[in-house]
Amino acid sequence: MRRFLTGFLFTFLVSAVGFAQIPKTQLYVFDLALRDTAVALTNPRYLSDFNAFGYNNQPYWSDEETLLASVQLPGEAQPDIYRFDLANRTRQQLTDTDAGEYSPKVQVAGGNRFTAVRQEFVGADTILRLWDFPGDLADNGRPVFSTQSDIGYYEWLNPSQLALFLVENPSRLVLSAAGDGATPQTLATETGRTFARMSNGNLVYVDKSTTPWRLMQKNLYRLDEPAESVAELPDGTEDFVLLRDGSFLTGQGSKLYRLFPNRESRWQLVADLNFYGLRDITRMALSNDGQLAIVAE
């Protein structure tokens, strides 16, 4: 198991037929502290120094010291899932297949299992399916759905229910039970790749059918009611995280912006990470103890 170094140096795009060419991206972690309207970022760590010219994306915290991510090394045909142990400063490759694995997450049900979107190649066709894997790598995993494909992104809402981004034309955000037999219920179309469960139980997502793009929230218990607008997003951004106080954090270029949806209508600049050499911030993930993982170039 190789070590990664700490230091101060410091998109996965969907098309109607599959995933576009993978960009070079880097993975960083900061400690994040909330101070009313301010955000303090300290203790920067550069996790992808071992793959500085490759793809390092889609971070997910499985616990306070463990980060999962999709990684593709130069010369490799497809990305695999890696596990980063921040306490011991080690990493481990979890998948090693001819297919590509993306968007690792731990199931809400807990236990030592994780899921990922697998890009499978069947003849001339590309199939996107959600797979379930054992964390101890005891077997080769199994599909969560045997028939449902075109899954680009997903969120576990509870142990048996997910929100799925289906790669269709137009894209479709649906609510689905895990396993086979259930018919997915459409929540919205032309949505962004990032969506999350809010503290009130609603699903917040990005509506890309309007200009500028807009954060929307959908009541999952009253699906017949229309979604409500939360706020417009800064130009060209579609990735965000929910902070513990109910505010939103998003990135644009090297800068981070924060919004309190019930307090203000404009995003406030809270940090510029150009000092660390970060640019084109996209994906982010926040741990329960306040560590912020950032994908940037």
C-alpha atoms as a PDB file:
ATOM      1  CA  MET A   1       0.000   0.000   0.000  1.00  0.00           C
ATOM      2  CA  ARG A   2       1.618   3.238  -1.108  1.00  0.00           C
ATOM      3  CA  ARG A   3       1.725   6.469   0.895  1.00  0.00           C
ATOM      4  CA  PHE A   4       0.533   9.864  -0.260  1.00  0.00           C
ATOM      5  CA  LEU A   5       2.323  13.030   0.738  1.00  0.00           C
ATOM      6  CA  THR A   6       0.777  16.089   2.351  1.00  0.00           C
ATOM      7  CA  GLY A   7       1.684  19.532   1.107  1.00  0.00           C
ATOM      8  CA  PHE A   8       0.572  23.007   0.190  1.00  0.00           C
ATOM      9  CA  LEU A   9       0.689  22.760  -3.620  1.00  0.00           C
ATOM     10  CA  PHE A  10      -1.968  22.196  -4.605  1.00  0.00           C
ATOM     11  CA  THR A  11     -15.644  16.737 -14.371  1.00  0.00           C
ATOM     12  CA  PHE A  12     -16.882  14.309 -15.037  1.00  0.00           C
ATOM     13  CA  LEU A  13     -19.104  15.232 -18.011  1.00  0.00           C
ATOM     14  CA  VAL A  14     -22.185  13.362 -19.117  1.00  0.00           C
ATOM     15  CA  SER A  15     -23.438  13.053 -22.670  1.00  0.00           C
ATOM     16  CA  ALA A  16     -26.584  11.401 -23.937  1.00  0.00           C
ATOM     17  CA  VAL A  17     -24.640   8.280 -24.866  1.00  0.00           C
ATOM     18  CA  GLY A  18     -22.155   7.953 -22.014  1.00  0.00           C
ATOM     19  CA  PHE A  19     -19.269   9.680 -20.305  1.00  0.00           C
ATOM     20  CA  ALA A  20     -17.111  12.166 -22.159  1.00  0.00           C
ATOM     21  CA  GLN A  21     -13.329  12.251 -22.147  1.00  0.00           C
ATOM     22  CA  ILE A  22     -12.074  12.362 -18.574  1.00  0.00           C
ATOM     23  CA  PRO A  23     -10.338  15.611 -17.581  1.00  0.00           C
ATOM     24  CA  LYS A  24      -7.220  15.927 -15.433  1.00  0.00           C
ATOM     25  CA  THR A  25      -8.345  16.873 -11.934  1.00  0.00           C
ATOM     26  CA  GLN A  26      -6.740  16.999  -8.503  1.00  0.00           C
ATOM     27  CA  LEU A  27      -8.015  16.200  -5.016  1.00  0.00           C
ATOM     28  CA  TYR A  28      -7.441  18.360  -1.925  1.00  0.00           C
ATOM     29  CA  VAL A  29      -8.704  18.378   1.671  1.00  0.00           C
ATOM     30  CA  PHE A  30      -9.039  21.326   4.063  1.00  0.00           C
ATOM     31  CA  ASP A  31     -10.347  21.660   7.596  1.00  0.00           C
ATOM     32  CA  LEU A  32     -13.444  23.857   7.460  1.00  0.00           C
ATOM     33  CA  ALA A  33     -14.794  25.967  10.330  1.00  0.00           C
ATOM     34  CA  LEU A  34     -17.958  28.063  10.206  1.00  0.00           C
ATOM     35  CA  ARG A  35     -17.862  31.490  11.814  1.00  0.00           C
ATOM     36  CA  ASP A  36     -21.300  33.030  11.302  1.00  0.00           C
ATOM     37  CA  THR A  37     -21.020  34.504   7.812  1.00  0.00           C
ATOM     38  CA  ALA A  38     -17.342  33.551   7.409  1.00  0.00           C
ATOM     39  CA  VAL A  39     -15.696  30.275   6.452  1.00  0.00           C
ATOM     40  CA  ALA A  40     -12.173  29.415   7.611  1.00  0.00           C
ATOM     41  CA  LEU A  41     -10.156  26.848   5.627  1.00  0.00           C
ATOM     42  CA  THR A  42      -6.982  25.518   7.252  1.00  0.00           C
ATOM     43  CA  ASN A  43      -4.655  22.485   7.212  1.00  0.00           C
ATOM     44  CA  PRO A  44      -4.507  21.959   3.409  1.00  0.00           C
ATOM     45  CA  ARG A  45      -3.644  18.452   2.196  1.00  0.00           C
ATOM     46  CA  TYR A  46      -2.920  17.373  -1.362  1.00  0.00           C
ATOM     47  CA  LEU A  47      -4.116  13.784  -1.807  1.00  0.00           C
ATOM     48  CA  SER A  48      -3.443  13.176  -5.484  1.00  0.00           C
ATOM     49  CA  ASP A  49       0.272  13.915  -5.728  1.00  0.00           C
ATOM     50  CA  PHE A  50       0.773  10.283  -6.803  1.00  0.00           C
ATOM     51  CA  ASN A  51      -1.455  10.996  -9.820  1.00  0.00           C
ATOM     52  CA  ALA A  52      -0.714  14.621 -10.626  1.00  0.00           C
ATOM     53  CA  PHE A  53      -1.374  14.147 -14.351  1.00  0.00           C
ATOM     54  CA  GLY A  54      -4.408  11.904 -14.018  1.00  0.00           C
ATOM     55  CA  TYR A  55      -8.051  11.946 -12.969  1.00  0.00           C
ATOM     56  CA  ASN A  56      -8.972  12.260  -9.278  1.00  0.00           C
ATOM     57  CA  ASN A  57     -12.631  13.007  -8.751  1.00  0.00           C
ATOM     58  CA  GLN A  58     -15.999  12.400  -7.087  1.00  0.00           C
ATOM     59  CA  PRO A  59     -14.895  12.320  -3.429  1.00  0.00           C
ATOM     60  CA  TYR A  60     -17.122  10.815  -0.757  1.00  0.00           C
ATOM     61  CA  TRP A  61     -16.465  10.568   2.992  1.00  0.00           C
ATOM     62  CA  SER A  62     -17.207   7.098   4.328  1.00  0.00           C
ATOM     63  CA  ASP A  63     -16.179   8.296   7.801  1.00  0.00           C
ATOM     64  CA  GLU A  64     -14.200  11.163   9.352  1.00  0.00           C
ATOM     65  CA  GLU A  65     -10.827   9.744   8.310  1.00  0.00           C
ATOM     66  CA  THR A  66     -11.672   7.835   5.133  1.00  0.00           C
ATOM     67  CA  LEU A  67     -12.301   9.317   1.705  1.00  0.00           C
ATOM     68  CA  LEU A  68     -13.401   7.382  -1.387  1.00  0.00           C
ATOM     69  CA  ALA A  69     -12.725   8.704  -4.888  1.00  0.00           C
ATOM     70  CA  SER A  70     -12.631   7.705  -8.552  1.00  0.00           C
ATOM     71  CA  VAL A  71      -9.041   7.652  -9.845  1.00  0.00           C
ATOM     72  CA  GLN A  72      -7.547   7.039 -13.273  1.00  0.00           C
ATOM     73  CA  LEU A  73      -3.774   6.901 -13.671  1.00  0.00           C
ATOM     74  CA  PRO A  74      -2.079   8.012 -16.894  1.00  0.00           C
ATOM     75  CA  GLY A  75      -1.969   5.074 -19.273  1.00  0.00           C
ATOM     76  CA  GLU A  76      -4.929   3.331 -17.627  1.00  0.00           C
ATOM     77  CA  ALA A  77      -7.991   2.815 -19.810  1.00  0.00           C
ATOM     78  CA  GLN A  78     -10.604   3.348 -17.083  1.00  0.00           C
ATOM     79  CA  PRO A  79     -10.864   4.798 -13.558  1.00  0.00           C
ATOM     80  CA  ASP A  80     -11.065   2.663 -10.433  1.00  0.00           C
ATOM     81  CA  ILE A  81     -12.240   3.348  -6.886  1.00  0.00           C
ATOM     82  CA  TYR A  82      -9.580   4.251  -4.314  1.00  0.00           C
ATOM     83  CA  ARG A  83      -9.824   4.544  -0.551  1.00  0.00           C
ATOM     84  CA  PHE A  84      -7.725   7.218   1.217  1.00  0.00           C
ATOM     85  CA  ASP A  85      -6.946   6.762   4.916  1.00  0.00           C
ATOM     86  CA  LEU A  86      -6.137  10.284   6.115  1.00  0.00           C
ATOM     87  CA  ALA A  87      -5.187   9.234   9.640  1.00  0.00           C
ATOM     88  CA  ASN A  88      -2.475   6.838   8.435  1.00  0.00           C
ATOM     89  CA  ARG A  89      -1.787   8.717   5.190  1.00  0.00           C
ATOM     90  CA  THR A  90      -2.257   5.619   3.053  1.00  0.00           C
ATOM     91  CA  ARG A  91      -4.372   4.698   0.056  1.00  0.00           C
ATOM     92  CA  GLN A  92      -5.786   1.475  -1.348  1.00  0.00           C
ATOM     93  CA  GLN A  93      -7.162   0.605  -4.765  1.00  0.00           C
ATOM     94  CA  LEU A  94     -10.551  -1.065  -4.275  1.00  0.00           C
ATOM     95  CA  THR A  95     -11.567  -1.956  -7.841  1.00  0.00           C
ATOM     96  CA  ASP A  96      -9.460  -3.149 -10.777  1.00  0.00           C
ATOM     97  CA  THR A  97     -11.681  -3.959 -13.734  1.00  0.00           C
ATOM     98  CA  ASP A  98     -11.896  -3.453 -17.489  1.00  0.00           C
ATOM     99  CA  ALA A  99     -14.940  -1.294 -16.796  1.00  0.00           C
ATOM    100  CA  GLY A 100     -14.751   2.168 -15.242  1.00  0.00           C
ATOM    101  CA  GLU A 101     -16.047   2.890 -11.747  1.00  0.00           C
ATOM    102  CA  TYR A 102     -17.320   6.300 -10.675  1.00  0.00           C
ATOM    103  CA  SER A 103     -19.197   8.017  -7.817  1.00  0.00           C
ATOM    104  CA  PRO A 104     -18.345   5.791  -4.843  1.00  0.00           C
ATOM    105  CA  LYS A 105     -20.665   6.055  -1.858  1.00  0.00           C
ATOM    106  CA  VAL A 106     -21.361   4.069   1.295  1.00  0.00           C
ATOM    107  CA  GLN A 107     -24.874   2.701   1.528  1.00  0.00           C
ATOM    108  CA  VAL A 108     -27.137   4.398   4.054  1.00  0.00           C
ATOM    109  CA  ALA A 109     -27.803   0.970   5.591  1.00  0.00           C
ATOM    110  CA  GLY A 110     -24.232   1.008   6.863  1.00  0.00           C
ATOM    111  CA  GLY A 111     -22.026  -2.022   7.055  1.00  0.00           C
ATOM    112  CA  ASN A 112     -18.839  -2.602   5.158  1.00  0.00           C
ATOM    113  CA  ARG A 113     -20.142  -2.121   1.628  1.00  0.00           C
ATOM    114  CA  PHE A 114     -19.988   0.654  -0.949  1.00  0.00           C
ATOM    115  CA  THR A 115     -21.620   1.379  -4.288  1.00  0.00           C
ATOM    116  CA  ALA A 116     -20.338   2.911  -7.512  1.00  0.00           C
ATOM    117  CA  VAL A 117     -21.513   3.609 -11.045  1.00  0.00           C
ATOM    118  CA  ARG A 118     -19.865   1.158 -13.425  1.00  0.00           C
ATOM    119  CA  GLN A 119     -19.354   2.023 -17.089  1.00  0.00           C
ATOM    120  CA  GLU A 120     -19.616  -1.340 -18.814  1.00  0.00           C
ATOM    121  CA  PHE A 121     -18.842  -2.087 -22.450  1.00  0.00           C
ATOM    122  CA  VAL A 122     -21.026  -4.659 -24.181  1.00  0.00           C
ATOM    123  CA  GLY A 123     -20.006  -4.889 -27.814  1.00  0.00           C
ATOM    124  CA  ALA A 124     -20.407  -1.409 -29.284  1.00  0.00           C
ATOM    125  CA  ASP A 125     -22.734  -0.336 -26.446  1.00  0.00           C
ATOM    126  CA  THR A 126     -21.887   1.492 -23.233  1.00  0.00           C
ATOM    127  CA  ILE A 127     -24.022   0.567 -20.218  1.00  0.00           C
ATOM    128  CA  LEU A 128     -24.089   2.583 -16.993  1.00  0.00           C
ATOM    129  CA  ARG A 129     -25.212   0.540 -14.007  1.00  0.00           C
ATOM    130  CA  LEU A 130     -25.031   0.925 -10.241  1.00  0.00           C
ATOM    131  CA  TRP A 131     -22.972  -1.781  -8.522  1.00  0.00           C
ATOM    132  CA  ASP A 132     -22.625  -2.844  -4.891  1.00  0.00           C
ATOM    133  CA  PHE A 133     -19.220  -3.957  -3.557  1.00  0.00           C
ATOM    134  CA  PRO A 134     -17.901  -5.365  -0.257  1.00  0.00           C
ATOM    135  CA  GLY A 135     -15.515  -3.010   1.499  1.00  0.00           C
ATOM    136  CA  ASP A 136     -13.201  -5.922   2.336  1.00  0.00           C
ATOM    137  CA  LEU A 137     -13.126  -6.946  -1.383  1.00  0.00           C
ATOM    138  CA  ALA A 138     -14.365 -10.436  -0.475  1.00  0.00           C
ATOM    139  CA  ASP A 139     -16.179 -10.753  -3.812  1.00  0.00           C
ATOM    140  CA  ASN A 140     -16.505  -8.942  -7.141  1.00  0.00           C
ATOM    141  CA  GLY A 141     -19.739  -7.158  -6.308  1.00  0.00           C
ATOM    142  CA  ARG A 142     -23.202  -7.256  -7.848  1.00  0.00           C
ATOM    143  CA  PRO A 143     -25.586  -4.852  -9.618  1.00  0.00           C
ATOM    144  CA  VAL A 144     -28.028  -2.944  -7.403  1.00  0.00           C
ATOM    145  CA  PHE A 145     -30.448  -3.069 -10.359  1.00  0.00           C
ATOM    146  CA  SER A 146     -30.285  -5.882 -12.913  1.00  0.00           C
ATOM    147  CA  THR A 147     -32.414  -4.024 -15.467  1.00  0.00           C
ATOM    148  CA  GLN A 148     -32.105  -0.292 -14.732  1.00  0.00           C
ATOM    149  CA  SER A 149     -29.198   1.265 -16.597  1.00  0.00           C
ATOM    150  CA  ASP A 150     -28.244   4.782 -17.801  1.00  0.00           C
ATOM    151  CA  ILE A 151     -27.447   5.728 -14.192  1.00  0.00           C
ATOM    152  CA  GLY A 152     -24.992   8.613 -14.242  1.00  0.00           C
ATOM    153  CA  TYR A 153     -25.210   9.797 -10.620  1.00  0.00           C
ATOM    154  CA  TYR A 154     -27.144   8.804  -7.507  1.00  0.00           C
ATOM    155  CA  GLU A 155     -27.802   9.468  -3.829  1.00  0.00           C
ATOM    156  CA  TRP A 156     -28.899   6.979  -1.188  1.00  0.00           C
ATOM    157  CA  LEU A 157     -31.916   8.519   0.584  1.00  0.00           C
ATOM    158  CA  ASN A 158     -32.453   5.620   2.993  1.00  0.00           C
ATOM    159  CA  PRO A 159     -31.452   1.931   3.008  1.00  0.00           C
ATOM    160  CA  SER A 160     -33.961   1.049   0.308  1.00  0.00           C
ATOM    161  CA  GLN A 161     -34.537   4.187  -1.748  1.00  0.00           C
ATOM    162  CA  LEU A 162     -32.367   6.284  -4.070  1.00  0.00           C
ATOM    163  CA  ALA A 163     -32.461   9.384  -6.213  1.00  0.00           C
ATOM    164  CA  LEU A 164     -31.006   8.599  -9.656  1.00  0.00           C
ATOM    165  CA  PHE A 165     -29.750  10.854 -12.434  1.00  0.00           C
ATOM    166  CA  LEU A 166     -30.581   9.013 -15.664  1.00  0.00           C
ATOM    167  CA  VAL A 167     -28.455   9.783 -18.717  1.00  0.00           C
ATOM    168  CA  GLU A 168     -31.255  10.374 -21.194  1.00  0.00           C
ATOM    169  CA  ASN A 169     -32.193  13.127 -23.612  1.00  0.00           C
ATOM    170  CA  PRO A 170     -33.171  15.170 -21.698  1.00  0.00           C
ATOM    171  CA  SER A 171     -31.572  13.973 -18.469  1.00  0.00           C
ATOM    172  CA  ARG A 172     -34.018  12.819 -15.821  1.00  0.00           C
ATOM    173  CA  LEU A 173     -33.883  12.867 -12.011  1.00  0.00           C
ATOM    174  CA  VAL A 174     -35.978  10.033 -10.586  1.00  0.00           C
ATOM    175  CA  LEU A 175     -36.931   8.460  -7.280  1.00  0.00           C
ATOM    176  CA  SER A 176     -36.495   4.685  -7.194  1.00  0.00           C
ATOM    177  CA  ALA A 177     -36.551   1.767  -4.792  1.00  0.00           C
ATOM    178  CA  ALA A 178     -33.401  -0.349  -4.756  1.00  0.00           C
ATOM    179  CA  GLY A 179     -33.611  -3.640  -6.625  1.00  0.00           C
ATOM    180  CA  ASP A 180     -35.935  -4.622  -9.418  1.00  0.00           C
ATOM    181  CA  GLY A 181     -39.662  -4.359  -9.832  1.00  0.00           C
ATOM    182  CA  ALA A 182     -40.268  -0.721  -8.927  1.00  0.00           C
ATOM    183  CA  THR A 183     -41.048   1.927 -11.532  1.00  0.00           C
ATOM    184  CA  PRO A 184     -38.910   5.054 -11.078  1.00  0.00           C
ATOM    185  CA  GLN A 185     -40.884   8.240 -10.450  1.00  0.00           C
ATOM    186  CA  THR A 186     -39.706  11.301 -12.351  1.00  0.00           C
ATOM    187  CA  LEU A 187     -38.858  14.270 -10.112  1.00  0.00           C
ATOM    188  CA  ALA A 188     -37.423  16.666 -12.713  1.00  0.00           C
ATOM    189  CA  THR A 189     -35.741  16.825 -16.118  1.00  0.00           C
ATOM    190  CA  GLU A 190     -32.691  18.729 -17.380  1.00  0.00           C
ATOM    191  CA  THR A 191     -31.031  18.589 -13.978  1.00  0.00           C
ATOM    192  CA  GLY A 192     -27.434  18.870 -12.797  1.00  0.00           C
ATOM    193  CA  ARG A 193     -25.201  16.081 -11.554  1.00  0.00           C
ATOM    194  CA  THR A 194     -25.230  17.190  -7.893  1.00  0.00           C
ATOM    195  CA  PHE A 195     -28.223  16.645  -5.606  1.00  0.00           C
ATOM    196  CA  ALA A 196     -28.579  16.004  -1.873  1.00  0.00           C
ATOM    197  CA  ARG A 197     -31.054  15.456   0.944  1.00  0.00           C
ATOM    198  CA  MET A 198     -31.715  18.565   3.050  1.00  0.00           C
ATOM    199  CA  SER A 199     -32.298  18.564   6.806  1.00  0.00           C
ATOM    200  CA  ASN A 200     -36.043  19.030   6.174  1.00  0.00           C
ATOM    201  CA  GLY A 201     -36.095  15.841   4.096  1.00  0.00           C
ATOM    202  CA  ASN A 202     -36.459  17.603   0.757  1.00  0.00           C
ATOM    203  CA  LEU A 203     -34.199  16.808  -2.181  1.00  0.00           C
ATOM    204  CA  VAL A 204     -32.214  19.798  -3.452  1.00  0.00           C
ATOM    205  CA  TYR A 205     -30.972  19.691  -7.046  1.00  0.00           C
ATOM    206  CA  VAL A 206     -29.902  21.951  -9.903  1.00  0.00           C
ATOM    207  CA  ASP A 207     -32.407  22.925 -12.595  1.00  0.00           C
ATOM    208  CA  LYS A 208     -30.439  23.456 -15.830  1.00  0.00           C
ATOM    209  CA  SER A 209     -33.485  24.163 -17.973  1.00  0.00           C
ATOM    210  CA  THR A 210     -33.303  27.850 -17.004  1.00  0.00           C
ATOM    211  CA  THR A 211     -30.644  30.533 -17.353  1.00  0.00           C
ATOM    212  CA  PRO A 212     -29.028  31.053 -14.934  1.00  0.00           C
ATOM    213  CA  TRP A 213     -29.152  27.580 -13.430  1.00  0.00           C
ATOM    214  CA  ARG A 214     -31.152  27.384 -10.240  1.00  0.00           C
ATOM    215  CA  LEU A 215     -31.180  25.385  -7.010  1.00  0.00           C
ATOM    216  CA  MET A 216     -34.546  23.718  -6.462  1.00  0.00           C
ATOM    217  CA  GLN A 217     -35.989  21.650  -3.620  1.00  0.00           C
ATOM    218  CA  LYS A 218     -38.537  18.873  -3.991  1.00  0.00           C
ATOM    219  CA  ASN A 219     -40.721  17.498  -1.206  1.00  0.00           C
ATOM    220  CA  LEU A 220     -40.255  13.717  -1.504  1.00  0.00           C
ATOM    221  CA  TYR A 221     -43.357  13.050   0.592  1.00  0.00           C
ATOM    222  CA  ARG A 222     -45.613  15.169  -1.630  1.00  0.00           C
ATOM    223  CA  LEU A 223     -44.484  14.352  -5.139  1.00  0.00           C
ATOM    224  CA  ASP A 224     -47.574  15.911  -6.678  1.00  0.00           C
ATOM    225  CA  GLU A 225     -46.490  19.359  -5.446  1.00  0.00           C
ATOM    226  CA  PRO A 226     -44.187  21.416  -7.676  1.00  0.00           C
ATOM    227  CA  ALA A 227     -40.555  21.947  -6.677  1.00  0.00           C
ATOM    228  CA  GLU A 228     -39.686  25.222  -4.968  1.00  0.00           C
ATOM    229  CA  SER A 229     -36.902  27.582  -5.972  1.00  0.00           C
ATOM    230  CA  VAL A 230     -34.036  27.991  -3.483  1.00  0.00           C
ATOM    231  CA  ALA A 231     -31.662  30.356  -5.291  1.00  0.00           C
ATOM    232  CA  GLU A 232     -29.930  31.100  -8.559  1.00  0.00           C
ATOM    233  CA  LEU A 233     -26.424  29.681  -8.904  1.00  0.00           C
ATOM    234  CA  PRO A 234     -23.301  31.599  -9.882  1.00  0.00           C
ATOM    235  CA  ASP A 235     -22.723  31.458 -13.617  1.00  0.00           C
ATOM    236  CA  GLY A 236     -21.668  28.023 -14.840  1.00  0.00           C
ATOM    237  CA  THR A 237     -21.668  26.239 -11.462  1.00  0.00           C
ATOM    238  CA  GLU A 238     -23.612  23.046 -10.785  1.00  0.00           C
ATOM    239  CA  ASP A 239     -21.779  21.520  -7.811  1.00  0.00           C
ATOM    240  CA  PHE A 240     -22.483  22.365  -4.174  1.00  0.00           C
ATOM    241  CA  VAL A 241     -22.407  21.032  -0.638  1.00  0.00           C
ATOM    242  CA  LEU A 242     -24.774  21.590   2.248  1.00  0.00           C
ATOM    243  CA  LEU A 243     -23.120  22.957   5.383  1.00  0.00           C
ATOM    244  CA  ARG A 244     -24.165  22.039   8.901  1.00  0.00           C
ATOM    245  CA  ASP A 245     -25.974  25.349   9.470  1.00  0.00           C
ATOM    246  CA  GLY A 246     -28.191  24.896   6.408  1.00  0.00           C
ATOM    247  CA  SER A 247     -26.180  27.179   4.151  1.00  0.00           C
ATOM    248  CA  PHE A 248     -24.823  26.186   0.738  1.00  0.00           C
ATOM    249  CA  LEU A 249     -21.231  26.255  -0.500  1.00  0.00           C
ATOM    250  CA  THR A 250     -20.256  26.289  -4.177  1.00  0.00           C
ATOM    251  CA  GLY A 251     -17.103  26.939  -6.185  1.00  0.00           C
ATOM    252  CA  GLN A 252     -16.425  29.109  -9.204  1.00  0.00           C
ATOM    253  CA  GLY A 253     -12.892  29.306 -10.549  1.00  0.00           C
ATOM    254  CA  SER A 254     -10.602  29.463  -7.509  1.00  0.00           C
ATOM    255  CA  LYS A 255     -13.272  30.986  -5.272  1.00  0.00           C
ATOM    256  CA  LEU A 256     -15.794  29.571  -2.825  1.00  0.00           C
ATOM    257  CA  TYR A 257     -19.185  31.214  -2.298  1.00  0.00           C
ATOM    258  CA  ARG A 258     -21.717  30.686   0.492  1.00  0.00           C
ATOM    259  CA  LEU A 259     -25.453  31.300   0.602  1.00  0.00           C
ATOM    260  CA  PHE A 260     -27.976  31.328   3.460  1.00  0.00           C
ATOM    261  CA  PRO A 261     -31.194  30.748   1.469  1.00  0.00           C
ATOM    262  CA  ASN A 262     -33.517  32.144   4.138  1.00  0.00           C
ATOM    263  CA  ARG A 263     -31.311  35.119   4.988  1.00  0.00           C
ATOM    264  CA  GLU A 264     -29.931  36.536   1.735  1.00  0.00           C
ATOM    265  CA  SER A 265     -30.452  36.374  -2.007  1.00  0.00           C
ATOM    266  CA  ARG A 266     -26.844  36.660  -3.174  1.00  0.00           C
ATOM    267  CA  TRP A 267     -23.902  34.300  -2.833  1.00  0.00           C
ATOM    268  CA  GLN A 268     -21.143  35.737  -0.642  1.00  0.00           C
ATOM    269  CA  LEU A 269     -17.443  35.232  -1.396  1.00  0.00           C
ATOM    270  CA  VAL A 270     -15.888  33.403   1.581  1.00  0.00           C
ATOM    271  CA  ALA A 271     -12.523  32.127   0.286  1.00  0.00           C
ATOM    272  CA  ASP A 272     -10.136  32.407  -2.643  1.00  0.00           C
ATOM    273  CA  LEU A 273      -7.933  29.333  -2.979  1.00  0.00           C
ATOM    274  CA  ASN A 274      -5.758  30.799  -5.686  1.00  0.00           C
ATOM    275  CA  PHE A 275      -3.083  31.101  -2.969  1.00  0.00           C
ATOM    276  CA  TYR A 276      -2.837  27.297  -3.015  1.00  0.00           C
ATOM    277  CA  GLY A 277      -2.841  27.121  -6.799  1.00  0.00           C
ATOM    278  CA  LEU A 278      -6.401  25.800  -7.083  1.00  0.00           C
ATOM    279  CA  ARG A 279      -8.499  26.709 -10.097  1.00  0.00           C
ATOM    280  CA  ASP A 280     -11.710  25.486 -11.683  1.00  0.00           C
ATOM    281  CA  ILE A 281     -13.237  24.105  -8.472  1.00  0.00           C
ATOM    282  CA  THR A 282     -15.990  21.569  -9.164  1.00  0.00           C
ATOM    283  CA  ARG A 283     -16.906  18.683  -6.864  1.00  0.00           C
ATOM    284  CA  MET A 284     -16.860  18.999  -3.084  1.00  0.00           C
ATOM    285  CA  ALA A 285     -17.653  16.697  -0.167  1.00  0.00           C
ATOM    286  CA  LEU A 286     -17.963  17.566   3.526  1.00  0.00           C
ATOM    287  CA  SER A 287     -17.232  15.104   6.337  1.00  0.00           C
ATOM    288  CA  ASN A 288     -19.211  15.001   9.570  1.00  0.00           C
ATOM    289  CA  ASP A 289     -16.312  16.576  11.466  1.00  0.00           C
ATOM    290  CA  GLY A 290     -15.877  19.469   9.030  1.00  0.00           C
ATOM    291  CA  GLN A 291     -13.252  18.356   6.538  1.00  0.00           C
ATOM    292  CA  LEU A 292     -13.865  19.640   3.032  1.00  0.00           C
ATOM    293  CA  ALA A 293     -12.672  17.618   0.038  1.00  0.00           C
ATOM    294  CA  ILE A 294     -12.323  19.680  -3.130  1.00  0.00           C
ATOM    295  CA  VAL A 295     -11.798  18.692  -6.766  1.00  0.00           C
ATOM    296  CA  ALA A 296      -9.982  21.292  -8.827  1.00  0.00           C
ATOM    297  CA  GLU A 297      -7.425  21.706 -11.578  1.00  0.00           C
END
